[in-house]
Amino acid sequence: MKQFLNYLLYPNHLKHITSAIYFECLEAGISDYIAEESGFFPINLGSNILMSLNKNFEQTIADIPLSSEVRDSVLQNYKLLENKNNNYLKTIRQNLEEAKLHLNYFKEKNDTTMMKAKEIEIRHYEEILGITPEDEIHKE
């Protein structure tokens, strides 16, 4: 799914350039869990509408001849979307750190059921953030 999204957001593959892709999670038949791991996030708290930000949008728009007024307006709207994305990722990072603390607690208590649940939750957050097991090895 990530490869498909990258294909859609690559400017040479579309007639029009897009800053983000939106979809309604319930209607798409894709769980929000999978969508989030593919780069989507809810546009508002509790919303069924998810968005995936085109992270190459600024570079793409820089190559298009536009008046400075239009460019500034388009980039201002993009920055609002980018801020939403950054706030979401900040929340996910906080959730990840909290889940790691809980995992350590459950390890101390030798609660294997909760340990497994927290490990799954941690992998989910890491997938959203694009953290691979290799990243964790190099971090230590």
N, C-alpha and C. Protein backbone atom coordinates (compact mmCIF):
# COMPACT_ATOMS: atom_id res chain seq x y z
N MET A 1 0.82 -1.18 0.00
CA MET A 1 0.00 0.00 0.00
C MET A 1 0.88 1.26 0.00
N LYS A 2 1.98 1.22 0.75
CA LYS A 2 2.88 2.37 0.78
C LYS A 2 3.45 2.64 -0.62
N GLN A 3 3.81 1.59 -1.33
CA GLN A 3 4.35 1.76 -2.69
C GLN A 3 3.29 2.37 -3.61
N PHE A 4 2.06 1.92 -3.47
CA PHE A 4 0.98 2.46 -4.30
C PHE A 4 0.77 3.94 -4.02
N LEU A 5 0.79 4.34 -2.76
CA LEU A 5 0.64 5.75 -2.41
C LEU A 5 1.79 6.58 -2.97
N ASN A 6 3.01 6.06 -2.85
CA ASN A 6 4.15 6.79 -3.40
C ASN A 6 4.02 6.95 -4.91
N TYR A 7 3.48 5.94 -5.57
CA TYR A 7 3.24 6.02 -7.00
C TYR A 7 2.24 7.13 -7.31
N LEU A 8 1.16 7.19 -6.55
CA LEU A 8 0.14 8.22 -6.78
C LEU A 8 0.66 9.63 -6.53
N LEU A 9 1.53 9.76 -5.55
CA LEU A 9 2.01 11.09 -5.19
C LEU A 9 3.19 11.56 -6.03
N TYR A 10 3.75 10.68 -6.83
CA TYR A 10 4.87 11.06 -7.69
C TYR A 10 4.32 11.88 -8.86
N PRO A 11 4.81 13.08 -9.07
CA PRO A 11 4.20 13.99 -10.05
C PRO A 11 4.16 13.49 -11.49
N ASN A 12 5.10 12.66 -11.90
CA ASN A 12 5.10 12.17 -13.28
C ASN A 12 4.02 11.13 -13.55
N HIS A 13 3.39 10.61 -12.50
CA HIS A 13 2.37 9.59 -12.66
C HIS A 13 0.96 10.15 -12.74
N LEU A 14 0.79 11.41 -12.42
CA LEU A 14 -0.54 12.02 -12.41
C LEU A 14 -0.58 13.26 -13.29
N LYS A 15 -1.76 13.58 -13.74
CA LYS A 15 -1.94 14.80 -14.52
C LYS A 15 -1.88 16.02 -13.60
N HIS A 16 -2.36 15.85 -12.37
CA HIS A 16 -2.40 16.96 -11.41
C HIS A 16 -1.53 16.62 -10.21
N ILE A 17 -1.00 17.65 -9.59
CA ILE A 17 -0.18 17.48 -8.39
C ILE A 17 -1.10 17.59 -7.18
N THR A 18 -0.85 16.74 -6.21
CA THR A 18 -1.68 16.75 -5.01
C THR A 18 -0.82 16.90 -3.76
N SER A 19 -1.36 17.62 -2.79
CA SER A 19 -0.63 17.80 -1.53
C SER A 19 -0.94 16.67 -0.56
N ALA A 20 -2.09 16.02 -0.75
CA ALA A 20 -2.48 14.93 0.14
C ALA A 20 -3.55 14.08 -0.52
N ILE A 21 -3.69 12.86 -0.02
CA ILE A 21 -4.75 11.97 -0.46
C ILE A 21 -5.66 11.75 0.75
N TYR A 22 -6.95 11.86 0.52
CA TYR A 22 -7.94 11.65 1.59
C TYR A 22 -8.79 10.44 1.26
N PHE A 23 -9.25 9.76 2.30
CA PHE A 23 -10.26 8.73 2.09
C PHE A 23 -11.03 8.49 3.38
N GLU A 24 -12.24 7.99 3.23
CA GLU A 24 -13.06 7.67 4.39
C GLU A 24 -12.81 6.21 4.73
N CYS A 25 -12.29 6.00 5.90
CA CYS A 25 -11.86 4.68 6.34
C CYS A 25 -12.99 3.66 6.30
N LEU A 26 -14.17 4.01 6.77
CA LEU A 26 -15.26 3.05 6.81
C LEU A 26 -15.70 2.62 5.41
N GLU A 27 -15.74 3.54 4.49
CA GLU A 27 -16.19 3.24 3.13
C GLU A 27 -15.13 2.51 2.31
N ALA A 28 -13.87 2.69 2.66
CA ALA A 28 -12.78 2.09 1.88
C ALA A 28 -12.59 0.61 2.18
N GLY A 29 -13.09 0.16 3.30
CA GLY A 29 -12.92 -1.25 3.66
C GLY A 29 -11.52 -1.57 4.15
N ILE A 30 -10.79 -0.54 4.56
CA ILE A 30 -9.44 -0.72 5.09
C ILE A 30 -9.47 -0.29 6.55
N SER A 31 -8.90 -1.11 7.43
CA SER A 31 -8.92 -0.73 8.84
C SER A 31 -8.03 0.49 9.07
N ASP A 32 -8.41 1.29 10.04
CA ASP A 32 -7.60 2.47 10.35
C ASP A 32 -6.20 2.05 10.82
N TYR A 33 -6.10 0.88 11.42
CA TYR A 33 -4.82 0.33 11.89
C TYR A 33 -3.86 0.18 10.70
N ILE A 34 -4.33 -0.45 9.64
CA ILE A 34 -3.51 -0.66 8.43
C ILE A 34 -3.27 0.68 7.73
N ALA A 35 -4.29 1.51 7.65
CA ALA A 35 -4.14 2.81 6.99
C ALA A 35 -3.09 3.66 7.68
N GLU A 36 -3.09 3.66 9.00
CA GLU A 36 -2.10 4.44 9.74
C GLU A 36 -0.69 3.91 9.48
N GLU A 37 -0.54 2.61 9.42
CA GLU A 37 0.78 2.04 9.13
C GLU A 37 1.22 2.34 7.70
N SER A 38 0.28 2.68 6.83
CA SER A 38 0.59 3.01 5.45
C SER A 38 0.84 4.50 5.25
N GLY A 39 0.73 5.29 6.30
CA GLY A 39 1.04 6.71 6.20
C GLY A 39 -0.15 7.63 6.31
N PHE A 40 -1.33 7.10 6.58
CA PHE A 40 -2.52 7.93 6.75
C PHE A 40 -2.70 8.30 8.22
N PHE A 41 -3.37 9.42 8.45
CA PHE A 41 -3.72 9.80 9.81
C PHE A 41 -5.06 10.51 9.78
N PRO A 42 -5.81 10.48 10.90
CA PRO A 42 -7.12 11.13 10.93
C PRO A 42 -6.97 12.64 10.84
N ILE A 43 -7.80 13.27 10.01
CA ILE A 43 -7.67 14.73 9.85
C ILE A 43 -8.16 15.46 11.09
N ASN A 44 -9.04 14.86 11.85
CA ASN A 44 -9.52 15.40 13.12
C ASN A 44 -9.69 14.25 14.09
N LEU A 45 -9.62 14.56 15.37
CA LEU A 45 -9.78 13.54 16.40
C LEU A 45 -11.13 12.86 16.24
N GLY A 46 -11.12 11.55 16.17
CA GLY A 46 -12.35 10.78 16.05
C GLY A 46 -12.95 10.76 14.66
N SER A 47 -12.24 11.31 13.69
CA SER A 47 -12.75 11.37 12.32
C SER A 47 -12.52 10.05 11.59
N ASN A 48 -13.45 9.71 10.70
CA ASN A 48 -13.27 8.53 9.84
C ASN A 48 -12.55 8.90 8.55
N ILE A 49 -12.30 10.18 8.35
CA ILE A 49 -11.59 10.62 7.15
C ILE A 49 -10.11 10.69 7.47
N LEU A 50 -9.34 9.96 6.68
CA LEU A 50 -7.90 9.91 6.87
C LEU A 50 -7.19 10.61 5.72
N MET A 51 -5.97 11.04 6.00
CA MET A 51 -5.19 11.78 5.01
C MET A 51 -3.77 11.25 5.01
N SER A 52 -3.18 11.21 3.81
CA SER A 52 -1.77 10.90 3.66
C SER A 52 -1.13 12.09 2.98
N LEU A 53 -0.16 12.68 3.63
CA LEU A 53 0.49 13.89 3.15
C LEU A 53 1.54 13.56 2.09
N ASN A 54 1.58 14.35 1.03
CA ASN A 54 2.62 14.22 0.01
C ASN A 54 3.86 14.95 0.52
N LYS A 55 4.81 14.20 1.01
CA LYS A 55 6.00 14.80 1.63
C LYS A 55 6.92 15.47 0.61
N ASN A 56 6.71 15.21 -0.68
CA ASN A 56 7.52 15.84 -1.73
C ASN A 56 6.83 17.04 -2.37
N PHE A 57 5.72 17.46 -1.81
CA PHE A 57 4.91 18.50 -2.43
C PHE A 57 5.67 19.82 -2.61
N GLU A 58 6.38 20.25 -1.57
CA GLU A 58 7.10 21.53 -1.67
C GLU A 58 8.12 21.51 -2.81
N GLN A 59 8.86 20.41 -2.94
CA GLN A 59 9.84 20.30 -4.02
C GLN A 59 9.15 20.27 -5.37
N THR A 60 8.06 19.54 -5.46
CA THR A 60 7.33 19.43 -6.72
C THR A 60 6.78 20.77 -7.16
N ILE A 61 6.20 21.50 -6.23
CA ILE A 61 5.58 22.79 -6.57
C ILE A 61 6.65 23.83 -6.91
N ALA A 62 7.86 23.64 -6.38
CA ALA A 62 8.95 24.58 -6.68
C ALA A 62 9.33 24.54 -8.15
N ASP A 63 9.09 23.40 -8.81
CA ASP A 63 9.46 23.23 -10.21
C ASP A 63 8.38 23.70 -11.18
N ILE A 64 7.27 24.21 -10.66
CA ILE A 64 6.15 24.63 -11.51
C ILE A 64 6.12 26.15 -11.59
N PRO A 65 5.99 26.69 -12.78
CA PRO A 65 5.92 28.15 -12.90
C PRO A 65 4.59 28.69 -12.35
N LEU A 66 4.66 29.35 -11.21
CA LEU A 66 3.49 29.96 -10.57
C LEU A 66 3.84 31.37 -10.12
N SER A 67 2.83 32.21 -10.02
CA SER A 67 3.08 33.54 -9.45
C SER A 67 3.39 33.37 -7.98
N SER A 68 4.13 34.30 -7.43
CA SER A 68 4.50 34.19 -6.01
C SER A 68 3.28 34.21 -5.12
N GLU A 69 2.23 34.92 -5.52
CA GLU A 69 1.00 34.97 -4.73
C GLU A 69 0.33 33.59 -4.67
N VAL A 70 0.23 32.95 -5.81
CA VAL A 70 -0.39 31.62 -5.85
C VAL A 70 0.49 30.61 -5.10
N ARG A 71 1.79 30.67 -5.33
CA ARG A 71 2.70 29.74 -4.66
C ARG A 71 2.60 29.90 -3.14
N ASP A 72 2.60 31.15 -2.66
CA ASP A 72 2.51 31.40 -1.22
C ASP A 72 1.20 30.86 -0.64
N SER A 73 0.12 31.05 -1.36
CA SER A 73 -1.19 30.58 -0.90
C SER A 73 -1.23 29.05 -0.83
N VAL A 74 -0.73 28.41 -1.86
CA VAL A 74 -0.72 26.95 -1.91
C VAL A 74 0.19 26.40 -0.81
N LEU A 75 1.35 26.99 -0.63
CA LEU A 75 2.27 26.52 0.40
C LEU A 75 1.74 26.78 1.80
N GLN A 76 0.99 27.86 1.98
CA GLN A 76 0.39 28.13 3.28
C GLN A 76 -0.62 27.03 3.63
N ASN A 77 -1.43 26.64 2.67
CA ASN A 77 -2.38 25.55 2.90
C ASN A 77 -1.65 24.23 3.18
N TYR A 78 -0.59 23.99 2.44
CA TYR A 78 0.20 22.77 2.65
C TYR A 78 0.81 22.76 4.07
N LYS A 79 1.30 23.90 4.51
CA LYS A 79 1.91 23.98 5.84
C LYS A 79 0.89 23.63 6.94
N LEU A 80 -0.37 24.00 6.74
CA LEU A 80 -1.41 23.63 7.70
C LEU A 80 -1.57 22.11 7.76
N LEU A 81 -1.56 21.48 6.60
CA LEU A 81 -1.64 20.02 6.55
C LEU A 81 -0.41 19.39 7.19
N GLU A 82 0.73 19.95 6.91
CA GLU A 82 1.99 19.43 7.46
C GLU A 82 2.00 19.55 8.98
N ASN A 83 1.46 20.65 9.50
CA ASN A 83 1.38 20.82 10.95
C ASN A 83 0.49 19.76 11.59
N LYS A 84 -0.64 19.46 10.93
CA LYS A 84 -1.51 18.40 11.43
C LYS A 84 -0.76 17.06 11.46
N ASN A 85 -0.03 16.79 10.40
CA ASN A 85 0.75 15.56 10.32
C ASN A 85 1.80 15.51 11.43
N ASN A 86 2.51 16.60 11.63
CA ASN A 86 3.55 16.65 12.66
C ASN A 86 2.96 16.47 14.06
N ASN A 87 1.80 17.08 14.31
CA ASN A 87 1.15 16.93 15.62
C ASN A 87 0.74 15.48 15.84
N TYR A 88 0.22 14.85 14.79
CA TYR A 88 -0.16 13.44 14.88
C TYR A 88 1.06 12.58 15.20
N LEU A 89 2.17 12.81 14.48
CA LEU A 89 3.39 12.02 14.71
C LEU A 89 3.96 12.26 16.10
N LYS A 90 3.83 13.47 16.60
CA LYS A 90 4.27 13.77 17.96
C LYS A 90 3.47 12.95 18.97
N THR A 91 2.17 12.87 18.75
CA THR A 91 1.31 12.07 19.63
C THR A 91 1.69 10.59 19.56
N ILE A 92 1.98 10.11 18.36
CA ILE A 92 2.37 8.71 18.19
C ILE A 92 3.70 8.44 18.92
N ARG A 93 4.64 9.37 18.83
CA ARG A 93 5.92 9.21 19.54
C ARG A 93 5.69 9.13 21.05
N GLN A 94 4.80 9.99 21.56
CA GLN A 94 4.48 9.97 22.99
C GLN A 94 3.82 8.64 23.37
N ASN A 95 2.91 8.17 22.54
CA ASN A 95 2.25 6.88 22.79
C ASN A 95 3.26 5.74 22.78
N LEU A 96 4.23 5.82 21.87
CA LEU A 96 5.27 4.80 21.79
C LEU A 96 6.09 4.75 23.08
N GLU A 97 6.51 5.90 23.55
CA GLU A 97 7.30 5.95 24.79
C GLU A 97 6.51 5.43 25.97
N GLU A 98 5.24 5.78 26.03
CA GLU A 98 4.38 5.29 27.11
C GLU A 98 4.20 3.77 27.03
N ALA A 99 4.02 3.26 25.83
CA ALA A 99 3.87 1.81 25.64
C ALA A 99 5.13 1.08 26.06
N LYS A 100 6.29 1.66 25.79
CA LYS A 100 7.55 1.04 26.19
C LYS A 100 7.68 0.99 27.72
N LEU A 101 7.24 2.06 28.38
CA LEU A 101 7.25 2.06 29.85
C LEU A 101 6.32 0.97 30.40
N HIS A 102 5.14 0.87 29.78
CA HIS A 102 4.20 -0.17 30.21
C HIS A 102 4.77 -1.57 29.97
N LEU A 103 5.44 -1.74 28.85
CA LEU A 103 6.05 -3.03 28.55
C LEU A 103 7.06 -3.41 29.64
N ASN A 104 7.88 -2.46 30.04
CA ASN A 104 8.87 -2.74 31.09
C ASN A 104 8.18 -3.13 32.39
N TYR A 105 7.09 -2.45 32.70
CA TYR A 105 6.33 -2.77 33.90
C TYR A 105 5.82 -4.22 33.83
N PHE A 106 5.25 -4.59 32.68
CA PHE A 106 4.71 -5.94 32.54
C PHE A 106 5.81 -7.00 32.53
N LYS A 107 6.99 -6.62 32.06
CA LYS A 107 8.13 -7.55 32.13
C LYS A 107 8.52 -7.80 33.58
N GLU A 108 8.52 -6.73 34.38
CA GLU A 108 8.84 -6.88 35.80
C GLU A 108 7.82 -7.79 36.49
N LYS A 109 6.57 -7.69 36.09
CA LYS A 109 5.49 -8.49 36.69
C LYS A 109 5.38 -9.87 36.04
N ASN A 110 6.18 -10.09 35.01
CA ASN A 110 6.16 -11.35 34.26
C ASN A 110 4.76 -11.69 33.72
N ASP A 111 4.07 -10.66 33.26
CA ASP A 111 2.73 -10.82 32.70
C ASP A 111 2.87 -10.98 31.18
N THR A 112 3.00 -12.22 30.72
CA THR A 112 3.30 -12.48 29.31
C THR A 112 2.17 -12.04 28.38
N THR A 113 0.94 -12.16 28.82
CA THR A 113 -0.18 -11.75 27.97
C THR A 113 -0.11 -10.26 27.67
N MET A 114 0.08 -9.46 28.71
CA MET A 114 0.17 -8.01 28.52
C MET A 114 1.46 -7.61 27.81
N MET A 115 2.53 -8.37 28.04
CA MET A 115 3.78 -8.09 27.34
C MET A 115 3.58 -8.24 25.83
N LYS A 116 2.92 -9.31 25.42
CA LYS A 116 2.66 -9.53 23.99
C LYS A 116 1.80 -8.41 23.41
N ALA A 117 0.79 -8.02 24.17
CA ALA A 117 -0.10 -6.94 23.70
C ALA A 117 0.67 -5.64 23.52
N LYS A 118 1.53 -5.32 24.48
CA LYS A 118 2.32 -4.08 24.40
C LYS A 118 3.35 -4.17 23.27
N GLU A 119 3.91 -5.34 23.04
CA GLU A 119 4.87 -5.50 21.94
C GLU A 119 4.19 -5.26 20.60
N ILE A 120 2.96 -5.73 20.46
CA ILE A 120 2.19 -5.49 19.22
C ILE A 120 1.90 -4.00 19.08
N GLU A 121 1.49 -3.37 20.16
CA GLU A 121 1.21 -1.93 20.14
C GLU A 121 2.47 -1.14 19.77
N ILE A 122 3.60 -1.51 20.34
CA ILE A 122 4.87 -0.83 20.05
C ILE A 122 5.23 -1.00 18.58
N ARG A 123 5.09 -2.21 18.04
CA ARG A 123 5.40 -2.42 16.61
C ARG A 123 4.49 -1.57 15.72
N HIS A 124 3.23 -1.44 16.12
CA HIS A 124 2.29 -0.59 15.37
C HIS A 124 2.78 0.86 15.35
N TYR A 125 3.13 1.40 16.50
CA TYR A 125 3.61 2.78 16.57
C TYR A 125 4.92 2.95 15.79
N GLU A 126 5.80 1.98 15.90
CA GLU A 126 7.07 2.06 15.16
C GLU A 126 6.84 2.02 13.65
N GLU A 127 5.88 1.22 13.22
CA GLU A 127 5.56 1.16 11.79
C GLU A 127 5.02 2.51 11.31
N ILE A 128 4.18 3.14 12.09
CA ILE A 128 3.66 4.46 11.73
C ILE A 128 4.80 5.46 11.60
N LEU A 129 5.74 5.39 12.53
CA LEU A 129 6.87 6.33 12.53
C LEU A 129 7.98 5.95 11.56
N GLY A 130 7.87 4.76 10.97
CA GLY A 130 8.88 4.31 10.03
C GLY A 130 10.15 3.83 10.71
N ILE A 131 10.02 3.40 11.96
CA ILE A 131 11.17 2.88 12.71
C ILE A 131 11.28 1.38 12.42
N THR A 132 12.45 0.97 11.99
CA THR A 132 12.69 -0.44 11.70
C THR A 132 13.45 -1.07 12.86
N PRO A 133 13.44 -2.39 12.97
CA PRO A 133 14.23 -3.06 14.01
C PRO A 133 15.71 -2.68 13.92
N GLU A 134 16.22 -2.44 12.72
CA GLU A 134 17.63 -2.05 12.55
C GLU A 134 17.88 -0.69 13.20
N ASP A 135 16.90 0.23 13.10
CA ASP A 135 17.03 1.54 13.73
C ASP A 135 17.20 1.39 15.24
N GLU A 136 16.43 0.49 15.83
CA GLU A 136 16.49 0.27 17.27
C GLU A 136 17.83 -0.33 17.68
N ILE A 137 18.39 -1.23 16.86
CA ILE A 137 19.69 -1.83 17.15
C ILE A 137 20.78 -0.77 17.14
N HIS A 138 20.75 0.12 16.15
CA HIS A 138 21.78 1.17 16.03
C HIS A 138 21.62 2.23 17.12
N LYS A 139 20.42 2.36 17.66
CA LYS A 139 20.14 3.35 18.70
C LYS A 139 20.77 2.95 20.02
N GLU A 140 20.84 1.65 20.27
CA GLU A 140 21.35 1.14 21.55
C GLU A 140 22.84 1.21 21.67
